[in-house]
Amino acid sequence: MEWVLALLAVGCLFFAAQVVIDYYRYKRAIEPRLDRADELREELQGKIEHANEQLEQTRSTLEPAREEVAQLEREYSELQNQVRLETDQQRPTRPNTKLER
């Protein structure tokens, strides 16, 4: 009976050794991919930061232009109102007469 337990112990040790060996093989095979993925992630993070910086610069450049456009729209609206008032004042009022046949 002791030989069965000894055989089971040896089998368990062999299985555990195989698991450890497979782990290290897999780790060596996958490690370059993980390193490359980390490099790509860092590269993409840098690109994202650069794009965000450019976006902020563009927004800061566009802000004065937006304010100028808003001011010009207000002036245009005021001028339209003035023109409408002037044309209304210059139109002669016609009496309501019906033309008879």
N, C-alpha and C. Protein backbone atom coordinates (compact mmCIF):
# COMPACT_ATOMS: atom_id res chain seq x y z
N MET A 1 0.80 -1.18 0.00
CA MET A 1 0.00 0.00 0.00
C MET A 1 0.86 1.27 0.00
N GLU A 2 2.00 1.20 0.64
CA GLU A 2 2.89 2.36 0.67
C GLU A 2 3.42 2.68 -0.72
N TRP A 3 3.61 1.67 -1.51
CA TRP A 3 4.11 1.91 -2.86
C TRP A 3 3.10 2.67 -3.71
N VAL A 4 1.78 2.52 -3.43
CA VAL A 4 0.75 3.26 -4.16
C VAL A 4 0.84 4.75 -3.80
N LEU A 5 0.99 5.00 -2.49
CA LEU A 5 1.12 6.39 -2.06
C LEU A 5 2.39 7.03 -2.62
N ALA A 6 3.48 6.27 -2.65
CA ALA A 6 4.73 6.77 -3.21
C ALA A 6 4.58 7.04 -4.70
N LEU A 7 3.87 6.16 -5.41
CA LEU A 7 3.62 6.35 -6.84
C LEU A 7 2.76 7.59 -7.08
N LEU A 8 1.73 7.79 -6.26
CA LEU A 8 0.89 8.98 -6.37
C LEU A 8 1.69 10.26 -6.08
N ALA A 9 2.55 10.22 -5.09
CA ALA A 9 3.38 11.38 -4.76
C ALA A 9 4.32 11.71 -5.91
N VAL A 10 4.93 10.70 -6.52
CA VAL A 10 5.83 10.92 -7.65
C VAL A 10 5.04 11.47 -8.83
N GLY A 11 3.85 10.93 -9.09
CA GLY A 11 3.00 11.42 -10.17
C GLY A 11 2.60 12.87 -9.95
N CYS A 12 2.25 13.23 -8.72
CA CYS A 12 1.89 14.62 -8.39
C CYS A 12 3.08 15.55 -8.60
N LEU A 13 4.26 15.11 -8.16
CA LEU A 13 5.46 15.93 -8.37
C LEU A 13 5.76 16.10 -9.85
N PHE A 14 5.59 15.05 -10.63
CA PHE A 14 5.82 15.12 -12.07
C PHE A 14 4.82 16.10 -12.71
N PHE A 15 3.55 16.00 -12.31
CA PHE A 15 2.51 16.89 -12.85
C PHE A 15 2.81 18.34 -12.48
N ALA A 16 3.20 18.59 -11.23
CA ALA A 16 3.52 19.94 -10.79
C ALA A 16 4.72 20.49 -11.56
N ALA A 17 5.70 19.64 -11.81
CA ALA A 17 6.88 20.07 -12.57
C ALA A 17 6.48 20.42 -14.00
N GLN A 18 5.59 19.64 -14.61
CA GLN A 18 5.13 19.92 -15.97
C GLN A 18 4.37 21.26 -16.03
N VAL A 19 3.57 21.54 -15.01
CA VAL A 19 2.83 22.81 -14.97
C VAL A 19 3.81 23.98 -14.89
N VAL A 20 4.82 23.87 -14.05
CA VAL A 20 5.81 24.94 -13.92
C VAL A 20 6.59 25.12 -15.21
N ILE A 21 7.00 24.02 -15.83
CA ILE A 21 7.74 24.10 -17.10
C ILE A 21 6.89 24.74 -18.19
N ASP A 22 5.63 24.33 -18.31
CA ASP A 22 4.73 24.92 -19.32
C ASP A 22 4.51 26.40 -19.06
N TYR A 23 4.42 26.77 -17.80
CA TYR A 23 4.23 28.19 -17.46
C TYR A 23 5.41 29.02 -17.96
N TYR A 24 6.63 28.57 -17.69
CA TYR A 24 7.80 29.32 -18.12
C TYR A 24 7.96 29.35 -19.64
N ARG A 25 7.60 28.25 -20.31
CA ARG A 25 7.63 28.24 -21.78
C ARG A 25 6.64 29.27 -22.35
N TYR A 26 5.45 29.22 -21.81
CA TYR A 26 4.42 30.15 -22.27
C TYR A 26 4.81 31.59 -21.98
N LYS A 27 5.39 31.79 -20.81
CA LYS A 27 5.81 33.15 -20.43
C LYS A 27 6.88 33.65 -21.39
N ARG A 28 7.84 32.83 -21.74
CA ARG A 28 8.89 33.24 -22.68
C ARG A 28 8.33 33.51 -24.06
N ALA A 29 7.32 32.75 -24.45
CA ALA A 29 6.73 32.93 -25.78
C ALA A 29 5.87 34.20 -25.83
N ILE A 30 5.20 34.49 -24.75
CA ILE A 30 4.26 35.62 -24.75
C ILE A 30 4.89 36.93 -24.29
N GLU A 31 6.00 36.85 -23.60
CA GLU A 31 6.64 38.05 -23.06
C GLU A 31 7.00 39.09 -24.12
N PRO A 32 7.56 38.72 -25.28
CA PRO A 32 7.84 39.75 -26.30
C PRO A 32 6.58 40.45 -26.78
N ARG A 33 5.49 39.70 -26.88
CA ARG A 33 4.22 40.32 -27.29
C ARG A 33 3.75 41.32 -26.24
N LEU A 34 3.89 40.96 -24.99
CA LEU A 34 3.48 41.87 -23.92
C LEU A 34 4.35 43.12 -23.91
N ASP A 35 5.64 42.94 -24.13
CA ASP A 35 6.53 44.10 -24.20
C ASP A 35 6.15 45.02 -25.35
N ARG A 36 5.85 44.44 -26.50
CA ARG A 36 5.45 45.23 -27.66
C ARG A 36 4.12 45.94 -27.39
N ALA A 37 3.21 45.26 -26.74
CA ALA A 37 1.92 45.88 -26.40
C ALA A 37 2.13 47.06 -25.45
N ASP A 38 3.03 46.91 -24.50
CA ASP A 38 3.33 48.02 -23.58
C ASP A 38 3.94 49.21 -24.33
N GLU A 39 4.85 48.90 -25.27
CA GLU A 39 5.46 49.98 -26.06
C GLU A 39 4.40 50.70 -26.89
N LEU A 40 3.51 49.93 -27.52
CA LEU A 40 2.45 50.55 -28.32
C LEU A 40 1.51 51.39 -27.45
N ARG A 41 1.21 50.88 -26.26
CA ARG A 41 0.34 51.63 -25.35
C ARG A 41 0.98 52.96 -24.97
N GLU A 42 2.27 52.94 -24.66
CA GLU A 42 2.97 54.18 -24.31
C GLU A 42 3.03 55.14 -25.50
N GLU A 43 3.26 54.57 -26.71
CA GLU A 43 3.30 55.40 -27.91
C GLU A 43 1.94 56.05 -28.17
N LEU A 44 0.89 55.26 -28.03
CA LEU A 44 -0.45 55.80 -28.25
C LEU A 44 -0.82 56.82 -27.18
N GLN A 45 -0.39 56.59 -25.96
CA GLN A 45 -0.65 57.56 -24.90
C GLN A 45 0.04 58.88 -25.23
N GLY A 46 1.26 58.82 -25.75
CA GLY A 46 1.96 60.03 -26.16
C GLY A 46 1.24 60.75 -27.29
N LYS A 47 0.73 59.98 -28.25
CA LYS A 47 -0.02 60.59 -29.35
C LYS A 47 -1.30 61.25 -28.85
N ILE A 48 -1.96 60.61 -27.90
CA ILE A 48 -3.19 61.18 -27.34
C ILE A 48 -2.88 62.49 -26.62
N GLU A 49 -1.81 62.50 -25.84
CA GLU A 49 -1.43 63.73 -25.13
C GLU A 49 -1.09 64.84 -26.12
N HIS A 50 -0.36 64.49 -27.19
CA HIS A 50 0.00 65.48 -28.20
C HIS A 50 -1.26 66.03 -28.89
N ALA A 51 -2.19 65.14 -29.20
CA ALA A 51 -3.44 65.57 -29.84
C ALA A 51 -4.24 66.47 -28.90
N ASN A 52 -4.25 66.15 -27.61
CA ASN A 52 -4.97 66.99 -26.65
C ASN A 52 -4.33 68.38 -26.55
N GLU A 53 -3.00 68.42 -26.60
CA GLU A 53 -2.31 69.72 -26.58
C GLU A 53 -2.67 70.55 -27.81
N GLN A 54 -2.67 69.90 -28.97
CA GLN A 54 -3.04 70.60 -30.19
C GLN A 54 -4.48 71.08 -30.14
N LEU A 55 -5.34 70.26 -29.58
CA LEU A 55 -6.75 70.64 -29.45
C LEU A 55 -6.91 71.87 -28.57
N GLU A 56 -6.18 71.90 -27.47
CA GLU A 56 -6.24 73.07 -26.58
C GLU A 56 -5.72 74.31 -27.28
N GLN A 57 -4.63 74.17 -28.04
CA GLN A 57 -4.08 75.31 -28.77
C GLN A 57 -5.09 75.81 -29.80
N THR A 58 -5.72 74.89 -30.49
CA THR A 58 -6.72 75.28 -31.50
C THR A 58 -7.90 75.97 -30.85
N ARG A 59 -8.35 75.44 -29.72
CA ARG A 59 -9.48 76.07 -29.02
C ARG A 59 -9.11 77.48 -28.56
N SER A 60 -7.91 77.64 -28.05
CA SER A 60 -7.50 78.97 -27.58
C SER A 60 -7.37 79.93 -28.75
N THR A 61 -6.98 79.43 -29.92
CA THR A 61 -6.88 80.27 -31.10
C THR A 61 -8.27 80.64 -31.63
N LEU A 62 -9.20 79.71 -31.55
CA LEU A 62 -10.54 79.94 -32.09
C LEU A 62 -11.42 80.80 -31.20
N GLU A 63 -11.12 80.87 -29.92
CA GLU A 63 -11.98 81.62 -29.00
C GLU A 63 -12.13 83.09 -29.40
N PRO A 64 -11.04 83.82 -29.71
CA PRO A 64 -11.23 85.21 -30.15
C PRO A 64 -12.04 85.31 -31.45
N ALA A 65 -11.83 84.35 -32.34
CA ALA A 65 -12.58 84.37 -33.60
C ALA A 65 -14.06 84.15 -33.33
N ARG A 66 -14.40 83.26 -32.42
CA ARG A 66 -15.81 83.02 -32.07
C ARG A 66 -16.44 84.28 -31.49
N GLU A 67 -15.69 84.95 -30.63
CA GLU A 67 -16.21 86.19 -30.05
C GLU A 67 -16.43 87.24 -31.13
N GLU A 68 -15.50 87.32 -32.07
CA GLU A 68 -15.64 88.28 -33.18
C GLU A 68 -16.84 87.95 -34.04
N VAL A 69 -17.04 86.67 -34.33
CA VAL A 69 -18.20 86.25 -35.12
C VAL A 69 -19.49 86.59 -34.39
N ALA A 70 -19.55 86.36 -33.10
CA ALA A 70 -20.74 86.70 -32.32
C ALA A 70 -21.00 88.20 -32.37
N GLN A 71 -19.95 88.99 -32.24
CA GLN A 71 -20.09 90.45 -32.30
C GLN A 71 -20.61 90.88 -33.68
N LEU A 72 -20.05 90.30 -34.73
CA LEU A 72 -20.48 90.64 -36.09
C LEU A 72 -21.93 90.22 -36.33
N GLU A 73 -22.33 89.10 -35.78
CA GLU A 73 -23.73 88.67 -35.92
C GLU A 73 -24.66 89.65 -35.22
N ARG A 74 -24.26 90.11 -34.05
CA ARG A 74 -25.09 91.11 -33.35
C ARG A 74 -25.18 92.39 -34.17
N GLU A 75 -24.07 92.86 -34.71
CA GLU A 75 -24.09 94.08 -35.52
C GLU A 75 -24.95 93.88 -36.76
N TYR A 76 -24.85 92.72 -37.39
CA TYR A 76 -25.65 92.44 -38.57
C TYR A 76 -27.14 92.47 -38.24
N SER A 77 -27.49 91.87 -37.12
CA SER A 77 -28.89 91.87 -36.68
C SER A 77 -29.38 93.29 -36.42
N GLU A 78 -28.56 94.11 -35.77
CA GLU A 78 -28.93 95.49 -35.51
C GLU A 78 -29.10 96.27 -36.80
N LEU A 79 -28.20 96.07 -37.75
CA LEU A 79 -28.30 96.74 -39.04
C LEU A 79 -29.56 96.32 -39.79
N GLN A 80 -29.89 95.03 -39.72
CA GLN A 80 -31.11 94.57 -40.37
C GLN A 80 -32.34 95.25 -39.76
N ASN A 81 -32.35 95.37 -38.46
CA ASN A 81 -33.47 96.04 -37.79
C ASN A 81 -33.54 97.50 -38.21
N GLN A 82 -32.40 98.17 -38.28
CA GLN A 82 -32.39 99.57 -38.70
C GLN A 82 -32.90 99.72 -40.13
N VAL A 83 -32.46 98.84 -41.02
CA VAL A 83 -32.90 98.89 -42.41
C VAL A 83 -34.41 98.66 -42.48
N ARG A 84 -34.91 97.71 -41.73
CA ARG A 84 -36.34 97.43 -41.71
C ARG A 84 -37.13 98.65 -41.22
N LEU A 85 -36.62 99.27 -40.16
CA LEU A 85 -37.29 100.47 -39.64
C LEU A 85 -37.28 101.60 -40.66
N GLU A 86 -36.14 101.82 -41.31
CA GLU A 86 -36.02 102.88 -42.31
C GLU A 86 -36.95 102.63 -43.49
N THR A 87 -37.00 101.41 -43.96
CA THR A 87 -37.87 101.13 -45.11
C THR A 87 -39.33 101.23 -44.72
N ASP A 88 -39.67 100.86 -43.49
CA ASP A 88 -41.06 101.02 -43.04
C ASP A 88 -41.43 102.48 -42.94
N GLN A 89 -40.51 103.32 -42.51
CA GLN A 89 -40.80 104.74 -42.38
C GLN A 89 -40.88 105.42 -43.74
N GLN A 90 -40.15 104.97 -44.71
CA GLN A 90 -40.13 105.62 -46.01
C GLN A 90 -41.27 105.16 -46.91
N ARG A 91 -41.89 104.06 -46.63
CA ARG A 91 -43.01 103.59 -47.45
C ARG A 91 -44.21 104.49 -47.22
N PRO A 92 -44.79 104.95 -48.30
CA PRO A 92 -46.03 105.73 -48.11
C PRO A 92 -47.15 104.79 -47.73
N THR A 93 -47.97 105.25 -46.87
CA THR A 93 -49.10 104.43 -46.47
C THR A 93 -50.19 104.60 -47.51
N ARG A 94 -50.68 103.54 -48.00
CA ARG A 94 -51.73 103.57 -49.02
C ARG A 94 -53.07 103.38 -48.35
N PRO A 95 -54.02 104.15 -48.77
CA PRO A 95 -55.35 103.95 -48.18
C PRO A 95 -55.94 102.64 -48.69
N ASN A 96 -56.81 102.09 -47.89
CA ASN A 96 -57.46 100.83 -48.25
C ASN A 96 -58.64 101.15 -49.18
N THR A 97 -58.39 101.05 -50.43
CA THR A 97 -59.47 101.29 -51.39
C THR A 97 -59.59 100.07 -52.27
N LYS A 98 -60.84 99.77 -52.54
CA LYS A 98 -61.09 98.63 -53.42
C LYS A 98 -61.28 99.14 -54.83
N LEU A 99 -60.72 98.43 -55.72
CA LEU A 99 -60.90 98.80 -57.12
C LEU A 99 -62.21 98.23 -57.61
N GLU A 100 -62.98 99.08 -58.23
CA GLU A 100 -64.27 98.63 -58.74
C GLU A 100 -64.16 98.46 -60.23
N ARG A 101 -64.93 97.54 -60.73
CA ARG A 101 -64.93 97.29 -62.16
C ARG A 101 -65.98 98.03 -62.87
